Amino acid sequence: MLSKVARFADEIEAVVIDVPLEVAFSQNDKRSGRAWVKHGIIRRMFFSIEAPEKEEGFDKITIIRENEN
């Protein structure tokens, strides 16, 4: 997939927004109706996340964490 994008880009950057599980729950609980997601689903997705790797074709990988400026 990235090889198709690479034809049109000088650089391909993956940006990961690293949100603690508690923050994800808190933000989700502010939602209502169909926008709200069961905590079990969020938990399962949280623990199945795989960080991107340069070997996948990224030129740069940036990780943004909650307490970083």
PDB file of N, CA and C in Angstrom:
ATOM      1  N   MET A   1       0.813  -1.194   0.000  1.00  0.00           N
ATOM      2  CA  MET A   1       0.000   0.000   0.000  1.00  0.00           C
ATOM      3  C   MET A   1       0.862   1.266   0.000  1.00  0.00           C
ATOM      4  N   LEU A   2       1.894   1.295   0.849  1.00  0.00           N
ATOM      5  CA  LEU A   2       2.744   2.477   0.900  1.00  0.00           C
ATOM      6  C   LEU A   2       3.499   2.694  -0.405  1.00  0.00           C
ATOM      7  N   SER A   3       3.789   1.627  -1.112  1.00  0.00           N
ATOM      8  CA  SER A   3       4.504   1.777  -2.383  1.00  0.00           C
ATOM      9  C   SER A   3       3.682   2.588  -3.375  1.00  0.00           C
ATOM     10  N   LYS A   4       2.361   2.469  -3.319  1.00  0.00           N
ATOM     11  CA  LYS A   4       1.496   3.266  -4.203  1.00  0.00           C
ATOM     12  C   LYS A   4       1.536   4.746  -3.824  1.00  0.00           C
ATOM     13  N   VAL A   5       1.591   5.026  -2.538  1.00  0.00           N
ATOM     14  CA  VAL A   5       1.636   6.402  -2.053  1.00  0.00           C
ATOM     15  C   VAL A   5       2.996   7.028  -2.322  1.00  0.00           C
ATOM     16  N   ALA A   6       4.049   6.240  -2.216  1.00  0.00           N
ATOM     17  CA  ALA A   6       5.415   6.743  -2.353  1.00  0.00           C
ATOM     18  C   ALA A   6       5.659   7.426  -3.695  1.00  0.00           C
ATOM     19  N   ARG A   7       4.923   7.032  -4.704  1.00  0.00           N
ATOM     20  CA  ARG A   7       5.085   7.668  -6.020  1.00  0.00           C
ATOM     21  C   ARG A   7       4.725   9.149  -5.978  1.00  0.00           C
ATOM     22  N   PHE A   8       3.869   9.542  -5.052  1.00  0.00           N
ATOM     23  CA  PHE A   8       3.359  10.901  -4.993  1.00  0.00           C
ATOM     24  C   PHE A   8       3.909  11.721  -3.829  1.00  0.00           C
ATOM     25  N   ALA A   9       4.801  11.129  -3.040  1.00  0.00           N
ATOM     26  CA  ALA A   9       5.290  11.813  -1.843  1.00  0.00           C
ATOM     27  C   ALA A   9       6.810  11.797  -1.786  1.00  0.00           C
ATOM     28  N   ASP A  10       7.365  12.870  -1.253  1.00  0.00           N
ATOM     29  CA  ASP A  10       8.809  12.924  -1.042  1.00  0.00           C
ATOM     30  C   ASP A  10       9.197  12.154   0.214  1.00  0.00           C
ATOM     31  N   GLU A  11       8.277  12.114   1.173  1.00  0.00           N
ATOM     32  CA  GLU A  11       8.537  11.439   2.444  1.00  0.00           C
ATOM     33  C   GLU A  11       7.221  10.891   2.979  1.00  0.00           C
ATOM     34  N   ILE A  12       7.277   9.711   3.567  1.00  0.00           N
ATOM     35  CA  ILE A  12       6.088   9.118   4.171  1.00  0.00           C
ATOM     36  C   ILE A  12       6.339   9.017   5.664  1.00  0.00           C
ATOM     37  N   GLU A  13       5.476   9.685   6.436  1.00  0.00           N
ATOM     38  CA  GLU A  13       5.634   9.721   7.886  1.00  0.00           C
ATOM     39  C   GLU A  13       4.427   9.075   8.544  1.00  0.00           C
ATOM     40  N   ALA A  14       4.682   8.193   9.495  1.00  0.00           N
ATOM     41  CA  ALA A  14       3.628   7.628  10.332  1.00  0.00           C
ATOM     42  C   ALA A  14       3.582   8.455  11.608  1.00  0.00           C
ATOM     43  N   VAL A  15       2.389   8.867  11.997  1.00  0.00           N
ATOM     44  CA  VAL A  15       2.217   9.614  13.235  1.00  0.00           C
ATOM     45  C   VAL A  15       1.334   8.782  14.156  1.00  0.00           C
ATOM     46  N   VAL A  16       1.887   8.434  15.312  1.00  0.00           N
ATOM     47  CA  VAL A  16       1.182   7.629  16.297  1.00  0.00           C
ATOM     48  C   VAL A  16       0.824   8.536  17.459  1.00  0.00           C
ATOM     49  N   ILE A  17      -0.457   8.589  17.800  1.00  0.00           N
ATOM     50  CA  ILE A  17      -0.888   9.358  18.969  1.00  0.00           C
ATOM     51  C   ILE A  17      -1.106   8.355  20.090  1.00  0.00           C
ATOM     52  N   ASP A  18      -0.168   8.336  21.033  1.00  0.00           N
ATOM     53  CA  ASP A  18      -0.135   7.359  22.115  1.00  0.00           C
ATOM     54  C   ASP A  18      -0.972   7.882  23.283  1.00  0.00           C
ATOM     55  N   VAL A  19      -2.189   7.396  23.390  1.00  0.00           N
ATOM     56  CA  VAL A  19      -3.122   7.836  24.431  1.00  0.00           C
ATOM     57  C   VAL A  19      -3.239   6.733  25.483  1.00  0.00           C
ATOM     58  N   PRO A  20      -3.054   7.063  26.759  1.00  0.00           N
ATOM     59  CA  PRO A  20      -3.235   6.051  27.804  1.00  0.00           C
ATOM     60  C   PRO A  20      -4.664   5.493  27.774  1.00  0.00           C
ATOM     61  N   LEU A  21      -4.816   4.253  28.163  1.00  0.00           N
ATOM     62  CA  LEU A  21      -6.116   3.591  28.135  1.00  0.00           C
ATOM     63  C   LEU A  21      -7.148   4.359  28.968  1.00  0.00           C
ATOM     64  N   GLU A  22      -6.746   4.869  30.117  1.00  0.00           N
ATOM     65  CA  GLU A  22      -7.674   5.607  30.981  1.00  0.00           C
ATOM     66  C   GLU A  22      -8.196   6.862  30.279  1.00  0.00           C
ATOM     67  N   VAL A  23      -7.335   7.522  29.520  1.00  0.00           N
ATOM     68  CA  VAL A  23      -7.742   8.725  28.777  1.00  0.00           C
ATOM     69  C   VAL A  23      -8.712   8.348  27.668  1.00  0.00           C
ATOM     70  N   ALA A  24      -8.449   7.245  26.999  1.00  0.00           N
ATOM     71  CA  ALA A  24      -9.361   6.779  25.946  1.00  0.00           C
ATOM     72  C   ALA A  24     -10.737   6.493  26.532  1.00  0.00           C
ATOM     73  N   PHE A  25     -10.780   5.845  27.703  1.00  0.00           N
ATOM     74  CA  PHE A  25     -12.062   5.576  28.362  1.00  0.00           C
ATOM     75  C   PHE A  25     -12.767   6.880  28.715  1.00  0.00           C
ATOM     76  N   SER A  26     -12.025   7.808  29.292  1.00  0.00           N
ATOM     77  CA  SER A  26     -12.599   9.087  29.714  1.00  0.00           C
ATOM     78  C   SER A  26     -13.169   9.869  28.527  1.00  0.00           C
ATOM     79  N   GLN A  27     -12.416   9.942  27.454  1.00  0.00           N
ATOM     80  CA  GLN A  27     -12.883  10.655  26.265  1.00  0.00           C
ATOM     81  C   GLN A  27     -14.106   9.956  25.665  1.00  0.00           C
ATOM     82  N   ASN A  28     -14.080   8.636  25.650  1.00  0.00           N
ATOM     83  CA  ASN A  28     -15.200   7.876  25.115  1.00  0.00           C
ATOM     84  C   ASN A  28     -16.464   8.100  25.943  1.00  0.00           C
ATOM     85  N   ASP A  29     -16.309   8.184  27.262  1.00  0.00           N
ATOM     86  CA  ASP A  29     -17.473   8.344  28.137  1.00  0.00           C
ATOM     87  C   ASP A  29     -18.147   9.698  27.981  1.00  0.00           C
ATOM     88  N   LYS A  30     -17.502  10.625  27.324  1.00  0.00           N
ATOM     89  CA  LYS A  30     -18.107  11.932  27.034  1.00  0.00           C
ATOM     90  C   LYS A  30     -18.980  11.865  25.786  1.00  0.00           C
ATOM     91  N   ARG A  31     -18.915  10.750  25.064  1.00  0.00           N
ATOM     92  CA  ARG A  31     -19.710  10.568  23.857  1.00  0.00           C
ATOM     93  C   ARG A  31     -21.064   9.969  24.224  1.00  0.00           C
ATOM     94  N   SER A  32     -21.986  10.062  23.289  1.00  0.00           N
ATOM     95  CA  SER A  32     -23.296   9.467  23.532  1.00  0.00           C
ATOM     96  C   SER A  32     -23.807   8.801  22.255  1.00  0.00           C
ATOM     97  N   GLY A  33     -24.837   8.023  22.430  1.00  0.00           N
ATOM     98  CA  GLY A  33     -25.448   7.366  21.283  1.00  0.00           C
ATOM     99  C   GLY A  33     -24.497   6.411  20.593  1.00  0.00           C
ATOM    100  N   ARG A  34     -24.552   6.400  19.269  1.00  0.00           N
ATOM    101  CA  ARG A  34     -23.738   5.476  18.482  1.00  0.00           C
ATOM    102  C   ARG A  34     -22.249   5.824  18.502  1.00  0.00           C
ATOM    103  N   ALA A  35     -21.900   7.037  18.955  1.00  0.00           N
ATOM    104  CA  ALA A  35     -20.490   7.437  19.016  1.00  0.00           C
ATOM    105  C   ALA A  35     -19.776   6.773  20.193  1.00  0.00           C
ATOM    106  N   TRP A  36     -20.536   6.354  21.221  1.00  0.00           N
ATOM    107  CA  TRP A  36     -19.949   5.707  22.386  1.00  0.00           C
ATOM    108  C   TRP A  36     -19.571   4.276  22.040  1.00  0.00           C
ATOM    109  N   VAL A  37     -18.392   3.818  22.527  1.00  0.00           N
ATOM    110  CA  VAL A  37     -17.888   2.477  22.239  1.00  0.00           C
ATOM    111  C   VAL A  37     -17.737   1.727  23.561  1.00  0.00           C
ATOM    112  N   LYS A  38     -18.113   0.442  23.575  1.00  0.00           N
ATOM    113  CA  LYS A  38     -17.975  -0.365  24.788  1.00  0.00           C
ATOM    114  C   LYS A  38     -16.509  -0.410  25.215  1.00  0.00           C
ATOM    115  N   HIS A  39     -16.291  -0.338  26.533  1.00  0.00           N
ATOM    116  CA  HIS A  39     -14.921  -0.338  27.060  1.00  0.00           C
ATOM    117  C   HIS A  39     -14.155  -1.594  26.662  1.00  0.00           C
ATOM    118  N   GLY A  40     -14.826  -2.716  26.586  1.00  0.00           N
ATOM    119  CA  GLY A  40     -14.162  -3.962  26.203  1.00  0.00           C
ATOM    120  C   GLY A  40     -13.583  -3.889  24.802  1.00  0.00           C
ATOM    121  N   ILE A  41     -14.279  -3.213  23.910  1.00  0.00           N
ATOM    122  CA  ILE A  41     -13.792  -3.054  22.536  1.00  0.00           C
ATOM    123  C   ILE A  41     -12.574  -2.143  22.515  1.00  0.00           C
ATOM    124  N   ILE A  42     -12.645  -1.046  23.267  1.00  0.00           N
ATOM    125  CA  ILE A  42     -11.500  -0.127  23.340  1.00  0.00           C
ATOM    126  C   ILE A  42     -10.295  -0.852  23.929  1.00  0.00           C
ATOM    127  N   ARG A  43     -10.516  -1.602  24.997  1.00  0.00           N
ATOM    128  CA  ARG A  43      -9.430  -2.344  25.656  1.00  0.00           C
ATOM    129  C   ARG A  43      -8.791  -3.342  24.678  1.00  0.00           C
ATOM    130  N   ARG A  44      -9.622  -4.083  23.954  1.00  0.00           N
ATOM    131  CA  ARG A  44      -9.101  -5.075  23.002  1.00  0.00           C
ATOM    132  C   ARG A  44      -8.277  -4.398  21.911  1.00  0.00           C
ATOM    133  N   MET A  45      -8.775  -3.292  21.388  1.00  0.00           N
ATOM    134  CA  MET A  45      -8.039  -2.573  20.345  1.00  0.00           C
ATOM    135  C   MET A  45      -6.738  -1.997  20.905  1.00  0.00           C
ATOM    136  N   PHE A  46      -6.791  -1.463  22.125  1.00  0.00           N
ATOM    137  CA  PHE A  46      -5.620  -0.864  22.756  1.00  0.00           C
ATOM    138  C   PHE A  46      -4.482  -1.872  22.867  1.00  0.00           C
ATOM    139  N   PHE A  47      -4.805  -3.085  23.298  1.00  0.00           N
ATOM    140  CA  PHE A  47      -3.770  -4.092  23.515  1.00  0.00           C
ATOM    141  C   PHE A  47      -3.373  -4.831  22.239  1.00  0.00           C
ATOM    142  N   SER A  48      -4.064  -4.562  21.128  1.00  0.00           N
ATOM    143  CA  SER A  48      -3.690  -5.204  19.870  1.00  0.00           C
ATOM    144  C   SER A  48      -2.941  -4.256  18.920  1.00  0.00           C
ATOM    145  N   ILE A  49      -2.730  -3.023  19.358  1.00  0.00           N
ATOM    146  CA  ILE A  49      -2.031  -2.046  18.522  1.00  0.00           C
ATOM    147  C   ILE A  49      -0.591  -2.485  18.289  1.00  0.00           C
ATOM    148  N   GLU A  50      -0.151  -2.385  17.051  1.00  0.00           N
ATOM    149  CA  GLU A  50       1.241  -2.659  16.701  1.00  0.00           C
ATOM    150  C   GLU A  50       1.850  -1.362  16.174  1.00  0.00           C
ATOM    151  N   ALA A  51       2.984  -0.998  16.729  1.00  0.00           N
ATOM    152  CA  ALA A  51       3.655   0.229  16.298  1.00  0.00           C
ATOM    153  C   ALA A  51       4.157   0.075  14.862  1.00  0.00           C
ATOM    154  N   PRO A  52       4.087   1.144  14.075  1.00  0.00           N
ATOM    155  CA  PRO A  52       4.640   1.068  12.718  1.00  0.00           C
ATOM    156  C   PRO A  52       6.160   0.913  12.770  1.00  0.00           C
ATOM    157  N   GLU A  53       6.712   0.331  11.720  1.00  0.00           N
ATOM    158  CA  GLU A  53       8.158   0.131  11.644  1.00  0.00           C
ATOM    159  C   GLU A  53       8.679   0.669  10.325  1.00  0.00           C
ATOM    160  N   LYS A  54       9.912   1.157  10.344  1.00  0.00           N
ATOM    161  CA  LYS A  54      10.514   1.699   9.118  1.00  0.00           C
ATOM    162  C   LYS A  54      10.550   0.672   7.998  1.00  0.00           C
ATOM    163  N   GLU A  55      10.671  -0.600   8.351  1.00  0.00           N
ATOM    164  CA  GLU A  55      10.728  -1.662   7.346  1.00  0.00           C
ATOM    165  C   GLU A  55       9.439  -1.745   6.532  1.00  0.00           C
ATOM    166  N   GLU A  56       8.374  -1.137   7.029  1.00  0.00           N
ATOM    167  CA  GLU A  56       7.109  -1.122   6.297  1.00  0.00           C
ATOM    168  C   GLU A  56       7.113  -0.083   5.174  1.00  0.00           C
ATOM    169  N   GLY A  57       8.135   0.755   5.171  1.00  0.00           N
ATOM    170  CA  GLY A  57       8.242   1.749   4.112  1.00  0.00           C
ATOM    171  C   GLY A  57       8.136   3.191   4.577  1.00  0.00           C
ATOM    172  N   PHE A  58       8.062   3.406   5.878  1.00  0.00           N
ATOM    173  CA  PHE A  58       7.994   4.776   6.403  1.00  0.00           C
ATOM    174  C   PHE A  58       9.387   5.396   6.424  1.00  0.00           C
ATOM    175  N   ASP A  59       9.455   6.668   6.054  1.00  0.00           N
ATOM    176  CA  ASP A  59      10.719   7.397   6.148  1.00  0.00           C
ATOM    177  C   ASP A  59      10.935   7.928   7.564  1.00  0.00           C
ATOM    178  N   LYS A  60       9.830   8.208   8.239  1.00  0.00           N
ATOM    179  CA  LYS A  60       9.903   8.801   9.565  1.00  0.00           C
ATOM    180  C   LYS A  60       8.715   8.295  10.378  1.00  0.00           C
ATOM    181  N   ILE A  61       8.942   8.056  11.661  1.00  0.00           N
ATOM    182  CA  ILE A  61       7.872   7.658  12.567  1.00  0.00           C
ATOM    183  C   ILE A  61       7.900   8.610  13.753  1.00  0.00           C
ATOM    184  N   THR A  62       6.789   9.284  13.991  1.00  0.00           N
ATOM    185  CA  THR A  62       6.676  10.238  15.090  1.00  0.00           C
ATOM    186  C   THR A  62       5.644   9.699  16.075  1.00  0.00           C
ATOM    187  N   ILE A  63       6.018   9.652  17.351  1.00  0.00           N
ATOM    188  CA  ILE A  63       5.097   9.215  18.397  1.00  0.00           C
ATOM    189  C   ILE A  63       4.806  10.405  19.292  1.00  0.00           C
ATOM    190  N   ILE A  64       3.528  10.733  19.422  1.00  0.00           N
ATOM    191  CA  ILE A  64       3.090  11.858  20.252  1.00  0.00           C
ATOM    192  C   ILE A  64       2.475  11.275  21.511  1.00  0.00           C
ATOM    193  N   ARG A  65       3.026  11.666  22.653  1.00  0.00           N
ATOM    194  CA  ARG A  65       2.500  11.197  23.937  1.00  0.00           C
ATOM    195  C   ARG A  65       1.838  12.345  24.677  1.00  0.00           C
ATOM    196  N   GLU A  66       0.981  12.027  25.609  1.00  0.00           N
ATOM    197  CA  GLU A  66       0.141  12.994  26.305  1.00  0.00           C
ATOM    198  C   GLU A  66       0.916  14.157  26.924  1.00  0.00           C
ATOM    199  N   ASN A  67       2.009  13.891  27.613  1.00  0.00           N
ATOM    200  CA  ASN A  67       2.714  14.940  28.343  1.00  0.00           C
ATOM    201  C   ASN A  67       3.872  15.553  27.590  1.00  0.00           C
ATOM    202  N   GLU A  68       3.943  15.328  26.278  1.00  0.00           N
ATOM    203  CA  GLU A  68       5.027  15.911  25.496  1.00  0.00           C
ATOM    204  C   GLU A  68       4.533  17.170  24.807  1.00  0.00           C
ATOM    205  N   ASN A  69       5.429  18.125  24.641  1.00  0.00           N
ATOM    206  CA  ASN A  69       5.077  19.377  23.942  1.00  0.00           C
ATOM    207  C   ASN A  69       5.552  19.335  22.529  1.00  0.00           C
TER     208      ASN A  69
END
